[in-house]
Amino acid sequence: MAELILPEGAIFPDFMLPDAQGGLVSLNGRLRHGPVVLGFFRGTWCPFCKLMLEALAEAMPRIADMGASLLALTPETGPLPAALQTRHGSRLDVLCDVDFGVGLQAGVVYRIPPLYRAGLIAAGLDMELRHGNAAWCLPVPAIFIITPDGRIARRFVDMDFTKWPEPEAILDALAGLR
């Protein structure tokens, strides 16, 4: 699967997704103002995603000082993205990756294996309800640093959902764009 993920140097496809308040956000619109840190997160139920989002929210003043913005994409729909947005306030923008459209283009979506699916169901996590579809897919946790011309300058992707980059590595990647 790793070979399907957009590589560094590739153009990240433009998109327009709903934000947690129901407005629309486009990648190209954000890139007009500077680089974008784009993250794919599994959902509000994932403790590792929540920790990474908290770390990024804390680093957001430094990210903004470098002229960049932060977009957090989740396959969750309904009130869940709004709850995540409320938790982090205006420090980052939470977008709904409806039906995994952007994640599929980026190559980071995978079908949940049957054993893992059974565990999620046993834990009371109904992905059909959370995602608004019956696909039973998730994104690989991934962070892309995208330059104003739409190119992927750096990507942080690990198939192990417990492994995320340190905020310092993201900040270093942004500093390297200057």
C-alpha atoms as a PDB file:
ATOM      1  CA  MET A   1       0.000   0.000   0.000  1.00  0.00           C
ATOM      2  CA  ALA A   2       2.856   2.420   0.759  1.00  0.00           C
ATOM      3  CA  GLU A   3       3.705   2.585  -2.944  1.00  0.00           C
ATOM      4  CA  LEU A   4       0.240   4.063  -3.639  1.00  0.00           C
ATOM      5  CA  ILE A   5       0.722   7.039  -1.296  1.00  0.00           C
ATOM      6  CA  LEU A   6       1.524  10.310  -3.060  1.00  0.00           C
ATOM      7  CA  PRO A   7       5.304  10.822  -3.004  1.00  0.00           C
ATOM      8  CA  GLU A   8       7.282  13.908  -2.147  1.00  0.00           C
ATOM      9  CA  GLY A   9       7.488  16.162  -5.194  1.00  0.00           C
ATOM     10  CA  ALA A  10       4.030  15.182  -6.472  1.00  0.00           C
ATOM     11  CA  ILE A  11       1.247  17.727  -6.840  1.00  0.00           C
ATOM     12  CA  PHE A  12      -1.369  17.222  -4.141  1.00  0.00           C
ATOM     13  CA  PRO A  13      -4.811  17.216  -5.805  1.00  0.00           C
ATOM     14  CA  ASP A  14      -6.996  20.212  -5.053  1.00  0.00           C
ATOM     15  CA  PHE A  15     -10.146  19.561  -3.074  1.00  0.00           C
ATOM     16  CA  MET A  16     -13.078  21.334  -1.506  1.00  0.00           C
ATOM     17  CA  LEU A  17     -14.375  19.834   1.735  1.00  0.00           C
ATOM     18  CA  PRO A  18     -16.870  20.868   4.387  1.00  0.00           C
ATOM     19  CA  ASP A  19     -15.399  22.195   7.605  1.00  0.00           C
ATOM     20  CA  ALA A  20     -16.795  21.500  11.058  1.00  0.00           C
ATOM     21  CA  GLN A  21     -19.159  24.476  10.798  1.00  0.00           C
ATOM     22  CA  GLY A  22     -20.535  23.450   7.377  1.00  0.00           C
ATOM     23  CA  GLY A  23     -18.507  25.934   5.299  1.00  0.00           C
ATOM     24  CA  LEU A  24     -16.333  24.812   2.395  1.00  0.00           C
ATOM     25  CA  VAL A  25     -12.534  24.923   2.389  1.00  0.00           C
ATOM     26  CA  SER A  26     -10.383  24.361  -0.690  1.00  0.00           C
ATOM     27  CA  LEU A  27      -6.740  23.400  -0.674  1.00  0.00           C
ATOM     28  CA  ASN A  28      -5.864  25.892  -3.430  1.00  0.00           C
ATOM     29  CA  GLY A  29      -7.615  28.639  -1.477  1.00  0.00           C
ATOM     30  CA  ARG A  30      -5.418  27.928   1.531  1.00  0.00           C
ATOM     31  CA  LEU A  31      -2.263  27.602  -0.547  1.00  0.00           C
ATOM     32  CA  ARG A  32      -2.758  31.189  -1.785  1.00  0.00           C
ATOM     33  CA  HIS A  33      -1.816  32.267   1.742  1.00  0.00           C
ATOM     34  CA  GLY A  34       1.188  29.974   2.238  1.00  0.00           C
ATOM     35  CA  PRO A  35       2.148  26.358   2.858  1.00  0.00           C
ATOM     36  CA  VAL A  36      -0.351  23.880   4.273  1.00  0.00           C
ATOM     37  CA  VAL A  37       0.223  21.172   6.854  1.00  0.00           C
ATOM     38  CA  LEU A  38      -2.393  18.575   5.880  1.00  0.00           C
ATOM     39  CA  GLY A  39      -3.082  15.690   8.242  1.00  0.00           C
ATOM     40  CA  PHE A  40      -5.253  12.598   7.892  1.00  0.00           C
ATOM     41  CA  PHE A  41      -6.708  11.453  11.207  1.00  0.00           C
ATOM     42  CA  ARG A  42      -8.699   8.310  11.902  1.00  0.00           C
ATOM     43  CA  GLY A  43     -11.251   9.941  14.186  1.00  0.00           C
ATOM     44  CA  THR A  44     -12.237  11.262  17.567  1.00  0.00           C
ATOM     45  CA  TRP A  45     -12.168   7.718  18.970  1.00  0.00           C
ATOM     46  CA  CYS A  46      -8.438   7.186  18.226  1.00  0.00           C
ATOM     47  CA  PRO A  47      -6.243   8.089  21.234  1.00  0.00           C
ATOM     48  CA  PHE A  48      -3.118   8.404  19.058  1.00  0.00           C
ATOM     49  CA  CYS A  49      -4.875  10.804  16.685  1.00  0.00           C
ATOM     50  CA  LYS A  50      -6.115  12.875  19.614  1.00  0.00           C
ATOM     51  CA  LEU A  51      -2.582  13.139  21.022  1.00  0.00           C
ATOM     52  CA  MET A  52      -1.172  14.205  17.652  1.00  0.00           C
ATOM     53  CA  LEU A  53      -3.901  16.782  17.135  1.00  0.00           C
ATOM     54  CA  GLU A  54      -3.225  18.183  20.598  1.00  0.00           C
ATOM     55  CA  ALA A  55       0.508  18.419  19.843  1.00  0.00           C
ATOM     56  CA  LEU A  56      -0.194  20.136  16.518  1.00  0.00           C
ATOM     57  CA  ALA A  57      -2.658  22.547  18.137  1.00  0.00           C
ATOM     58  CA  GLU A  58       0.034  23.487  20.659  1.00  0.00           C
ATOM     59  CA  ALA A  59       2.541  23.983  17.818  1.00  0.00           C
ATOM     60  CA  MET A  60       0.050  26.017  15.772  1.00  0.00           C
ATOM     61  CA  PRO A  61       1.390  29.446  16.805  1.00  0.00           C
ATOM     62  CA  ARG A  62       4.818  28.429  15.487  1.00  0.00           C
ATOM     63  CA  ILE A  63       3.273  26.921  12.349  1.00  0.00           C
ATOM     64  CA  ALA A  64       1.364  30.166  11.750  1.00  0.00           C
ATOM     65  CA  ASP A  65       4.540  32.202  12.350  1.00  0.00           C
ATOM     66  CA  MET A  66       6.006  30.353   9.360  1.00  0.00           C
ATOM     67  CA  GLY A  67       3.043  31.460   7.248  1.00  0.00           C
ATOM     68  CA  ALA A  68       1.449  28.004   7.153  1.00  0.00           C
ATOM     69  CA  SER A  69      -2.011  26.739   7.993  1.00  0.00           C
ATOM     70  CA  LEU A  70      -3.119  23.389   9.368  1.00  0.00           C
ATOM     71  CA  LEU A  71      -5.926  21.260   7.940  1.00  0.00           C
ATOM     72  CA  ALA A  72      -6.998  18.128   9.832  1.00  0.00           C
ATOM     73  CA  LEU A  73      -9.011  15.712   7.671  1.00  0.00           C
ATOM     74  CA  THR A  74     -11.207  13.057   9.236  1.00  0.00           C
ATOM     75  CA  PRO A  75     -13.646  10.602   7.650  1.00  0.00           C
ATOM     76  CA  GLU A  76     -16.063  11.276  10.495  1.00  0.00           C
ATOM     77  CA  THR A  77     -19.267  13.166   9.755  1.00  0.00           C
ATOM     78  CA  GLY A  78     -22.186  14.591  11.692  1.00  0.00           C
ATOM     79  CA  PRO A  79     -21.420  16.265  15.026  1.00  0.00           C
ATOM     80  CA  LEU A  80     -18.034  14.552  15.514  1.00  0.00           C
ATOM     81  CA  PRO A  81     -15.855  16.992  13.513  1.00  0.00           C
ATOM     82  CA  ALA A  82     -17.555  19.930  15.248  1.00  0.00           C
ATOM     83  CA  ALA A  83     -16.713  18.416  18.642  1.00  0.00           C
ATOM     84  CA  LEU A  84     -13.091  18.059  17.536  1.00  0.00           C
ATOM     85  CA  GLN A  85     -13.054  21.640  16.248  1.00  0.00           C
ATOM     86  CA  THR A  86     -14.521  22.915  19.521  1.00  0.00           C
ATOM     87  CA  ARG A  87     -11.840  21.079  21.482  1.00  0.00           C
ATOM     88  CA  HIS A  88      -9.048  22.803  19.525  1.00  0.00           C
ATOM     89  CA  GLY A  89     -10.744  26.125  18.785  1.00  0.00           C
ATOM     90  CA  SER A  90      -9.346  28.198  15.962  1.00  0.00           C
ATOM     91  CA  ARG A  91      -5.879  26.684  16.241  1.00  0.00           C
ATOM     92  CA  LEU A  92      -6.613  24.278  13.365  1.00  0.00           C
ATOM     93  CA  ASP A  93      -9.347  23.552  10.842  1.00  0.00           C
ATOM     94  CA  VAL A  94     -11.137  20.201  10.942  1.00  0.00           C
ATOM     95  CA  LEU A  95     -12.484  19.063   7.561  1.00  0.00           C
ATOM     96  CA  CYS A  96     -14.756  16.111   6.751  1.00  0.00           C
ATOM     97  CA  ASP A  97     -13.162  13.888   4.119  1.00  0.00           C
ATOM     98  CA  VAL A  98     -16.569  12.774   2.888  1.00  0.00           C
ATOM     99  CA  ASP A  99     -16.521   9.184   1.607  1.00  0.00           C
ATOM    100  CA  PHE A 100     -12.686   9.257   1.831  1.00  0.00           C
ATOM    101  CA  GLY A 101     -12.446  11.246  -1.419  1.00  0.00           C
ATOM    102  CA  VAL A 102      -9.208  13.090  -0.639  1.00  0.00           C
ATOM    103  CA  GLY A 103      -7.690  10.162   1.247  1.00  0.00           C
ATOM    104  CA  LEU A 104      -8.266   7.874  -1.744  1.00  0.00           C
ATOM    105  CA  GLN A 105      -6.590  10.380  -4.079  1.00  0.00           C
ATOM    106  CA  ALA A 106      -3.648  10.648  -1.669  1.00  0.00           C
ATOM    107  CA  GLY A 107      -3.424   6.849  -1.439  1.00  0.00           C
ATOM    108  CA  VAL A 108      -3.794   6.702   2.349  1.00  0.00           C
ATOM    109  CA  VAL A 109      -7.119   4.835   2.676  1.00  0.00           C
ATOM    110  CA  TYR A 110      -7.317   1.133   3.436  1.00  0.00           C
ATOM    111  CA  ARG A 111     -10.146  -1.314   4.086  1.00  0.00           C
ATOM    112  CA  ILE A 112     -10.361  -2.339   7.741  1.00  0.00           C
ATOM    113  CA  PRO A 113      -9.382  -6.032   8.064  1.00  0.00           C
ATOM    114  CA  PRO A 114     -12.123  -8.368   9.419  1.00  0.00           C
ATOM    115  CA  LEU A 115     -10.418  -9.073  12.762  1.00  0.00           C
ATOM    116  CA  TYR A 116      -9.838  -5.357  13.450  1.00  0.00           C
ATOM    117  CA  ARG A 117     -13.384  -4.591  12.303  1.00  0.00           C
ATOM    118  CA  ALA A 118     -14.734  -7.126  14.812  1.00  0.00           C
ATOM    119  CA  GLY A 119     -12.693  -5.448  17.557  1.00  0.00           C
ATOM    120  CA  LEU A 120     -14.049  -2.015  16.674  1.00  0.00           C
ATOM    121  CA  ILE A 121     -17.606  -3.344  16.705  1.00  0.00           C
ATOM    122  CA  ALA A 122     -17.001  -5.061  20.057  1.00  0.00           C
ATOM    123  CA  ALA A 123     -15.725  -1.725  21.410  1.00  0.00           C
ATOM    124  CA  GLY A 124     -18.981  -0.085  20.322  1.00  0.00           C
ATOM    125  CA  LEU A 125     -17.498   1.858  17.395  1.00  0.00           C
ATOM    126  CA  ASP A 126     -19.965   1.896  14.531  1.00  0.00           C
ATOM    127  CA  MET A 127     -17.905   3.165  11.598  1.00  0.00           C
ATOM    128  CA  GLU A 128     -20.938   3.186   9.302  1.00  0.00           C
ATOM    129  CA  LEU A 129     -22.614   5.691  11.611  1.00  0.00           C
ATOM    130  CA  ARG A 130     -19.414   7.700  12.210  1.00  0.00           C
ATOM    131  CA  HIS A 131     -18.487   7.920   8.508  1.00  0.00           C
ATOM    132  CA  GLY A 132     -21.931   8.096   6.971  1.00  0.00           C
ATOM    133  CA  ASN A 133     -21.165   5.149   4.676  1.00  0.00           C
ATOM    134  CA  ALA A 134     -20.725   1.369   4.831  1.00  0.00           C
ATOM    135  CA  ALA A 135     -17.187   1.237   3.435  1.00  0.00           C
ATOM    136  CA  TRP A 136     -15.422   0.234   6.678  1.00  0.00           C
ATOM    137  CA  CYS A 137     -12.246   2.031   5.670  1.00  0.00           C
ATOM    138  CA  LEU A 138      -9.769   4.230   7.531  1.00  0.00           C
ATOM    139  CA  PRO A 139      -6.947   6.543   6.518  1.00  0.00           C
ATOM    140  CA  VAL A 140      -3.370   5.709   7.384  1.00  0.00           C
ATOM    141  CA  PRO A 141      -2.202   8.432   9.763  1.00  0.00           C
ATOM    142  CA  ALA A 142      -0.333  10.836   7.499  1.00  0.00           C
ATOM    143  CA  ILE A 143       0.929  14.414   7.443  1.00  0.00           C
ATOM    144  CA  PHE A 144       1.786  16.192   4.193  1.00  0.00           C
ATOM    145  CA  ILE A 145       3.652  19.506   3.990  1.00  0.00           C
ATOM    146  CA  ILE A 146       2.371  21.192   0.826  1.00  0.00           C
ATOM    147  CA  THR A 147       4.097  24.186  -0.767  1.00  0.00           C
ATOM    148  CA  PRO A 148       2.114  27.160  -2.134  1.00  0.00           C
ATOM    149  CA  ASP A 149       2.500  25.737  -5.665  1.00  0.00           C
ATOM    150  CA  GLY A 150       0.752  22.521  -4.521  1.00  0.00           C
ATOM    151  CA  ARG A 151       3.789  20.236  -4.349  1.00  0.00           C
ATOM    152  CA  ILE A 152       4.372  17.815  -1.512  1.00  0.00           C
ATOM    153  CA  ALA A 153       7.597  19.034   0.097  1.00  0.00           C
ATOM    154  CA  ARG A 154       7.586  16.414   2.845  1.00  0.00           C
ATOM    155  CA  ARG A 155       5.357  13.608   3.957  1.00  0.00           C
ATOM    156  CA  PHE A 156       5.215  11.720   7.211  1.00  0.00           C
ATOM    157  CA  VAL A 157       3.447   8.388   6.770  1.00  0.00           C
ATOM    158  CA  ASP A 158       3.653   5.250   8.847  1.00  0.00           C
ATOM    159  CA  MET A 159       1.389   2.248   8.462  1.00  0.00           C
ATOM    160  CA  ASP A 160       1.594   1.847  12.261  1.00  0.00           C
ATOM    161  CA  PHE A 161      -1.156   4.132  13.587  1.00  0.00           C
ATOM    162  CA  THR A 162       0.723   4.554  16.874  1.00  0.00           C
ATOM    163  CA  LYS A 163       3.623   6.334  15.170  1.00  0.00           C
ATOM    164  CA  TRP A 164       3.319  10.025  14.315  1.00  0.00           C
ATOM    165  CA  PRO A 165       6.016  12.613  13.601  1.00  0.00           C
ATOM    166  CA  GLU A 166       7.111  14.948  16.346  1.00  0.00           C
ATOM    167  CA  PRO A 167       5.864  18.515  15.857  1.00  0.00           C
ATOM    168  CA  GLU A 168       9.521  19.608  15.680  1.00  0.00           C
ATOM    169  CA  ALA A 169       9.980  17.505  12.534  1.00  0.00           C
ATOM    170  CA  ILE A 170       6.996  19.233  10.941  1.00  0.00           C
ATOM    171  CA  LEU A 171       8.334  22.639  11.972  1.00  0.00           C
ATOM    172  CA  ASP A 172      11.767  21.733  10.555  1.00  0.00           C
ATOM    173  CA  ALA A 173      10.124  20.739   7.252  1.00  0.00           C
ATOM    174  CA  LEU A 174       8.314  24.083   7.145  1.00  0.00           C
ATOM    175  CA  ALA A 175      11.535  25.934   7.961  1.00  0.00           C
ATOM    176  CA  GLY A 176      13.179  24.121   5.047  1.00  0.00           C
ATOM    177  CA  LEU A 177      10.705  25.757   2.671  1.00  0.00           C
ATOM    178  CA  ARG A 178      12.100  29.214   3.327  1.00  0.00           C
END
